[in-house]
């Protein structure tokens, strides 16, 4: 696998939208409940501070979005979301995306990367964040609504860039 992580290009949007919508449809990681249309995806990915994609040749394997977690006096804190294509998970693509987002965060002037809502059942992400050195801030009990309407805990993490 000759995978690289780079800035997304317009030709990537249909594939990015498909991967993003897979995660939304699974209903156990992203807060969004509605899938993106092509026009919404185009606007959404463009509106981020940075959107990166993991690609192998022309195949998009995963993506991330990076943006401020807040505004003004808290604008130095970034937030990011990651998505890896079903069938490609478990191949360290997520780690490459997280590490690239940290580098891009620094380049864009962020000092901290914070995750507001890591679903407690997302063990792969939790393991990765611990491995990289993220600090666990705490738990919000029943902070995430699963697709079936039940609630589960979310965990907050941060790392200094």
C-alpha atoms as a PDB file:
ATOM      1  CA  UNK A   1       0.000   0.000   0.000  1.00  0.00           C
ATOM      2  CA  UNK A   2       1.453   3.362  -1.100  1.00  0.00           C
ATOM      3  CA  UNK A   3      -0.917   5.485   0.941  1.00  0.00           C
ATOM      4  CA  UNK A   4      -0.318   9.189   1.425  1.00  0.00           C
ATOM      5  CA  UNK A   5      -2.269  11.877   3.256  1.00  0.00           C
ATOM      6  CA  UNK A   6      -2.801  15.097   1.332  1.00  0.00           C
ATOM      7  CA  UNK A   7      -5.169  18.034   1.036  1.00  0.00           C
ATOM      8  CA  UNK A   8      -8.427  16.978  -0.570  1.00  0.00           C
ATOM      9  CA  UNK A   9      -9.204  17.852  -4.179  1.00  0.00           C
ATOM     10  CA  UNK A  10     -12.615  18.438  -5.729  1.00  0.00           C
ATOM     11  CA  UNK A  11     -12.392  15.081  -7.539  1.00  0.00           C
ATOM     12  CA  UNK A  12     -12.257  13.384  -4.113  1.00  0.00           C
ATOM     13  CA  UNK A  13     -15.603  14.759  -2.894  1.00  0.00           C
ATOM     14  CA  UNK A  14     -17.895  11.924  -4.093  1.00  0.00           C
ATOM     15  CA  UNK A  15     -15.656   9.370  -2.353  1.00  0.00           C
ATOM     16  CA  UNK A  16     -15.313  11.509   0.779  1.00  0.00           C
ATOM     17  CA  UNK A  17     -19.078  11.979   0.893  1.00  0.00           C
ATOM     18  CA  UNK A  18     -19.600   8.225   0.618  1.00  0.00           C
ATOM     19  CA  UNK A  19     -17.174   7.484   3.488  1.00  0.00           C
ATOM     20  CA  UNK A  20     -18.630  10.268   5.654  1.00  0.00           C
ATOM     21  CA  UNK A  21     -22.167   9.048   5.013  1.00  0.00           C
ATOM     22  CA  UNK A  22     -21.159   5.474   5.917  1.00  0.00           C
ATOM     23  CA  UNK A  23     -20.166   6.692   9.380  1.00  0.00           C
ATOM     24  CA  UNK A  24     -23.344   8.765   9.751  1.00  0.00           C
ATOM     25  CA  UNK A  25     -25.446   5.761   8.693  1.00  0.00           C
ATOM     26  CA  UNK A  26     -23.688   3.469  11.197  1.00  0.00           C
ATOM     27  CA  UNK A  27     -24.877   5.878  13.898  1.00  0.00           C
ATOM     28  CA  UNK A  28     -22.152   5.236  16.456  1.00  0.00           C
ATOM     29  CA  UNK A  29     -19.493   7.901  15.951  1.00  0.00           C
ATOM     30  CA  UNK A  30     -20.497  11.233  14.342  1.00  0.00           C
ATOM     31  CA  UNK A  31     -23.086  13.603  15.830  1.00  0.00           C
ATOM     32  CA  UNK A  32     -24.774  14.187  12.462  1.00  0.00           C
ATOM     33  CA  UNK A  33     -27.996  12.335  11.810  1.00  0.00           C
ATOM     34  CA  UNK A  34     -28.537  13.235   8.148  1.00  0.00           C
ATOM     35  CA  UNK A  35     -26.361  12.135   5.263  1.00  0.00           C
ATOM     36  CA  UNK A  36     -24.693  14.775   3.106  1.00  0.00           C
ATOM     37  CA  UNK A  37     -25.834  15.443  -0.438  1.00  0.00           C
ATOM     38  CA  UNK A  38     -23.125  16.207  -2.975  1.00  0.00           C
ATOM     39  CA  UNK A  39     -23.694  19.978  -2.750  1.00  0.00           C
ATOM     40  CA  UNK A  40     -23.720  19.863   1.061  1.00  0.00           C
ATOM     41  CA  UNK A  41     -20.537  17.774   1.074  1.00  0.00           C
ATOM     42  CA  UNK A  42     -18.814  20.168  -1.298  1.00  0.00           C
ATOM     43  CA  UNK A  43     -19.670  23.137   0.941  1.00  0.00           C
ATOM     44  CA  UNK A  44     -18.964  21.264   4.202  1.00  0.00           C
ATOM     45  CA  UNK A  45     -15.476  20.053   3.279  1.00  0.00           C
ATOM     46  CA  UNK A  46     -14.552  23.410   1.740  1.00  0.00           C
ATOM     47  CA  UNK A  47     -15.650  25.287   4.890  1.00  0.00           C
ATOM     48  CA  UNK A  48     -13.125  23.526   7.136  1.00  0.00           C
ATOM     49  CA  UNK A  49      -9.774  25.029   8.098  1.00  0.00           C
ATOM     50  CA  UNK A  50      -8.219  21.977   6.459  1.00  0.00           C
ATOM     51  CA  UNK A  51      -9.600  18.771   4.992  1.00  0.00           C
ATOM     52  CA  UNK A  52      -7.171  15.925   4.413  1.00  0.00           C
ATOM     53  CA  UNK A  53      -7.595  12.622   2.619  1.00  0.00           C
ATOM     54  CA  UNK A  54      -5.719   9.343   2.808  1.00  0.00           C
ATOM     55  CA  UNK A  55      -5.301   8.021  -0.710  1.00  0.00           C
ATOM     56  CA  UNK A  56      -3.695   5.062  -2.396  1.00  0.00           C
ATOM     57  CA  UNK A  57      -3.388   6.079  -6.029  1.00  0.00           C
ATOM     58  CA  UNK A  58      -6.834   7.424  -6.902  1.00  0.00           C
ATOM     59  CA  UNK A  59      -8.640   5.520  -4.142  1.00  0.00           C
ATOM     60  CA  UNK A  60      -9.755   7.584  -1.145  1.00  0.00           C
ATOM     61  CA  UNK A  61      -9.332   5.417   1.958  1.00  0.00           C
ATOM     62  CA  UNK A  62     -10.203   7.970   4.618  1.00  0.00           C
ATOM     63  CA  UNK A  63     -10.434  11.629   5.491  1.00  0.00           C
ATOM     64  CA  UNK A  64     -10.412  14.173   8.266  1.00  0.00           C
ATOM     65  CA  UNK A  65     -11.707  17.659   8.864  1.00  0.00           C
ATOM     66  CA  UNK A  66      -9.898  20.218  11.035  1.00  0.00           C
ATOM     67  CA  UNK A  67     -11.455  23.425  12.323  1.00  0.00           C
ATOM     68  CA  UNK A  68     -11.584  25.666  15.405  1.00  0.00           C
ATOM     69  CA  UNK A  69     -13.253  24.098  18.415  1.00  0.00           C
ATOM     70  CA  UNK A  70     -14.451  27.538  19.484  1.00  0.00           C
ATOM     71  CA  UNK A  71     -13.993  31.230  18.663  1.00  0.00           C
ATOM     72  CA  UNK A  72     -12.167  34.249  20.010  1.00  0.00           C
ATOM     73  CA  UNK A  73     -10.128  33.593  23.143  1.00  0.00           C
ATOM     74  CA  UNK A  74     -10.560  29.847  22.640  1.00  0.00           C
ATOM     75  CA  UNK A  75      -9.886  29.952  18.902  1.00  0.00           C
ATOM     76  CA  UNK A  76      -6.428  28.421  19.366  1.00  0.00           C
ATOM     77  CA  UNK A  77      -8.064  25.074  20.153  1.00  0.00           C
ATOM     78  CA  UNK A  78      -8.770  22.864  17.150  1.00  0.00           C
ATOM     79  CA  UNK A  79     -11.253  20.058  16.735  1.00  0.00           C
ATOM     80  CA  UNK A  80     -11.153  17.265  14.177  1.00  0.00           C
ATOM     81  CA  UNK A  81     -13.206  14.339  12.933  1.00  0.00           C
ATOM     82  CA  UNK A  82     -11.899  11.263  11.152  1.00  0.00           C
ATOM     83  CA  UNK A  83     -13.471   8.697   8.846  1.00  0.00           C
ATOM     84  CA  UNK A  84     -11.950   5.552   7.376  1.00  0.00           C
ATOM     85  CA  UNK A  85     -13.668   3.622   4.612  1.00  0.00           C
ATOM     86  CA  UNK A  86     -15.368   0.411   5.665  1.00  0.00           C
ATOM     87  CA  UNK A  87     -13.145  -2.482   4.636  1.00  0.00           C
ATOM     88  CA  UNK A  88     -10.002  -0.379   5.137  1.00  0.00           C
ATOM     89  CA  UNK A  89     -10.192  -0.057   8.911  1.00  0.00           C
ATOM     90  CA  UNK A  90      -7.465  -1.648  11.036  1.00  0.00           C
ATOM     91  CA  UNK A  91      -4.694  -0.709   8.588  1.00  0.00           C
ATOM     92  CA  UNK A  92      -3.283   2.301  10.534  1.00  0.00           C
ATOM     93  CA  UNK A  93      -5.014   4.763   8.220  1.00  0.00           C
ATOM     94  CA  UNK A  94      -6.667   6.444  11.192  1.00  0.00           C
ATOM     95  CA  UNK A  95      -3.314   6.963  12.895  1.00  0.00           C
ATOM     96  CA  UNK A  96      -1.869   8.576   9.786  1.00  0.00           C
ATOM     97  CA  UNK A  97      -4.909  10.865   9.561  1.00  0.00           C
ATOM     98  CA  UNK A  98      -4.659  11.891  13.230  1.00  0.00           C
ATOM     99  CA  UNK A  99      -0.923  12.566  13.013  1.00  0.00           C
ATOM    100  CA  UNK A 100      -1.382  14.593   9.822  1.00  0.00           C
ATOM    101  CA  UNK A 101      -4.174  16.615  11.442  1.00  0.00           C
ATOM    102  CA  UNK A 102      -1.829  17.421  14.319  1.00  0.00           C
ATOM    103  CA  UNK A 103       0.796  18.704  11.894  1.00  0.00           C
ATOM    104  CA  UNK A 104      -1.778  20.698   9.936  1.00  0.00           C
ATOM    105  CA  UNK A 105      -3.148  22.039  13.207  1.00  0.00           C
ATOM    106  CA  UNK A 106       0.292  23.427  14.081  1.00  0.00           C
ATOM    107  CA  UNK A 107       0.693  24.897  10.584  1.00  0.00           C
ATOM    108  CA  UNK A 108      -2.661  26.650  10.931  1.00  0.00           C
ATOM    109  CA  UNK A 109      -1.745  28.189  14.289  1.00  0.00           C
ATOM    110  CA  UNK A 110      -3.647  25.913  16.656  1.00  0.00           C
ATOM    111  CA  UNK A 111      -2.035  25.126  20.029  1.00  0.00           C
ATOM    112  CA  UNK A 112      -4.331  22.316  21.192  1.00  0.00           C
ATOM    113  CA  UNK A 113      -6.380  19.602  19.504  1.00  0.00           C
ATOM    114  CA  UNK A 114      -9.496  18.637  21.471  1.00  0.00           C
ATOM    115  CA  UNK A 115     -12.081  15.945  20.864  1.00  0.00           C
ATOM    116  CA  UNK A 116     -15.444  16.765  22.422  1.00  0.00           C
ATOM    117  CA  UNK A 117     -17.303  13.514  21.919  1.00  0.00           C
ATOM    118  CA  UNK A 118     -15.414  10.241  21.535  1.00  0.00           C
ATOM    119  CA  UNK A 119     -18.089   7.583  21.888  1.00  0.00           C
ATOM    120  CA  UNK A 120     -17.091   5.202  24.691  1.00  0.00           C
ATOM    121  CA  UNK A 121     -17.590   2.117  22.494  1.00  0.00           C
ATOM    122  CA  UNK A 122     -15.120   3.436  19.885  1.00  0.00           C
ATOM    123  CA  UNK A 123     -12.309   1.331  21.330  1.00  0.00           C
ATOM    124  CA  UNK A 124     -10.062   1.639  18.277  1.00  0.00           C
ATOM    125  CA  UNK A 125     -10.077   5.442  18.514  1.00  0.00           C
ATOM    126  CA  UNK A 126      -9.588   5.388  22.296  1.00  0.00           C
ATOM    127  CA  UNK A 127      -6.601   3.036  21.937  1.00  0.00           C
ATOM    128  CA  UNK A 128      -5.111   5.248  19.216  1.00  0.00           C
ATOM    129  CA  UNK A 129      -5.525   8.470  21.198  1.00  0.00           C
ATOM    130  CA  UNK A 130      -3.834   6.900  24.227  1.00  0.00           C
ATOM    131  CA  UNK A 131      -0.996   5.604  22.012  1.00  0.00           C
ATOM    132  CA  UNK A 132      -0.395   9.066  20.526  1.00  0.00           C
ATOM    133  CA  UNK A 133      -0.457  10.755  23.945  1.00  0.00           C
ATOM    134  CA  UNK A 134      -3.850  12.434  24.163  1.00  0.00           C
ATOM    135  CA  UNK A 135      -5.049  13.256  27.675  1.00  0.00           C
ATOM    136  CA  UNK A 136      -8.473  12.116  28.804  1.00  0.00           C
ATOM    137  CA  UNK A 137     -10.438  15.027  30.241  1.00  0.00           C
ATOM    138  CA  UNK A 138     -13.485  13.189  31.494  1.00  0.00           C
ATOM    139  CA  UNK A 139     -16.735  11.461  30.646  1.00  0.00           C
ATOM    140  CA  UNK A 140     -20.145  12.881  29.864  1.00  0.00           C
ATOM    141  CA  UNK A 141     -22.614  10.179  30.882  1.00  0.00           C
ATOM    142  CA  UNK A 142     -25.136   9.369  28.172  1.00  0.00           C
ATOM    143  CA  UNK A 143     -23.800  12.206  26.004  1.00  0.00           C
ATOM    144  CA  UNK A 144     -24.337  10.420  22.689  1.00  0.00           C
ATOM    145  CA  UNK A 145     -27.532   9.072  21.190  1.00  0.00           C
ATOM    146  CA  UNK A 146     -27.032   5.833  19.280  1.00  0.00           C
ATOM    147  CA  UNK A 147     -28.989   5.063  16.130  1.00  0.00           C
ATOM    148  CA  UNK A 148     -31.435   2.929  18.128  1.00  0.00           C
ATOM    149  CA  UNK A 149     -32.285   5.904  20.370  1.00  0.00           C
ATOM    150  CA  UNK A 150     -30.391   4.671  23.432  1.00  0.00           C
ATOM    151  CA  UNK A 151     -27.687   6.799  25.054  1.00  0.00           C
ATOM    152  CA  UNK A 152     -24.031   6.047  25.723  1.00  0.00           C
ATOM    153  CA  UNK A 153     -21.141   7.894  27.360  1.00  0.00           C
ATOM    154  CA  UNK A 154     -18.750  10.161  25.496  1.00  0.00           C
ATOM    155  CA  UNK A 155     -15.160  10.927  26.449  1.00  0.00           C
ATOM    156  CA  UNK A 156     -13.289  14.198  25.949  1.00  0.00           C
ATOM    157  CA  UNK A 157      -9.590  14.166  24.948  1.00  0.00           C
ATOM    158  CA  UNK A 158      -6.944  16.779  24.181  1.00  0.00           C
ATOM    159  CA  UNK A 159      -3.300  17.062  23.205  1.00  0.00           C
ATOM    160  CA  UNK A 160      -1.001  20.067  23.011  1.00  0.00           C
ATOM    161  CA  UNK A 161       0.338  20.693  19.545  1.00  0.00           C
END
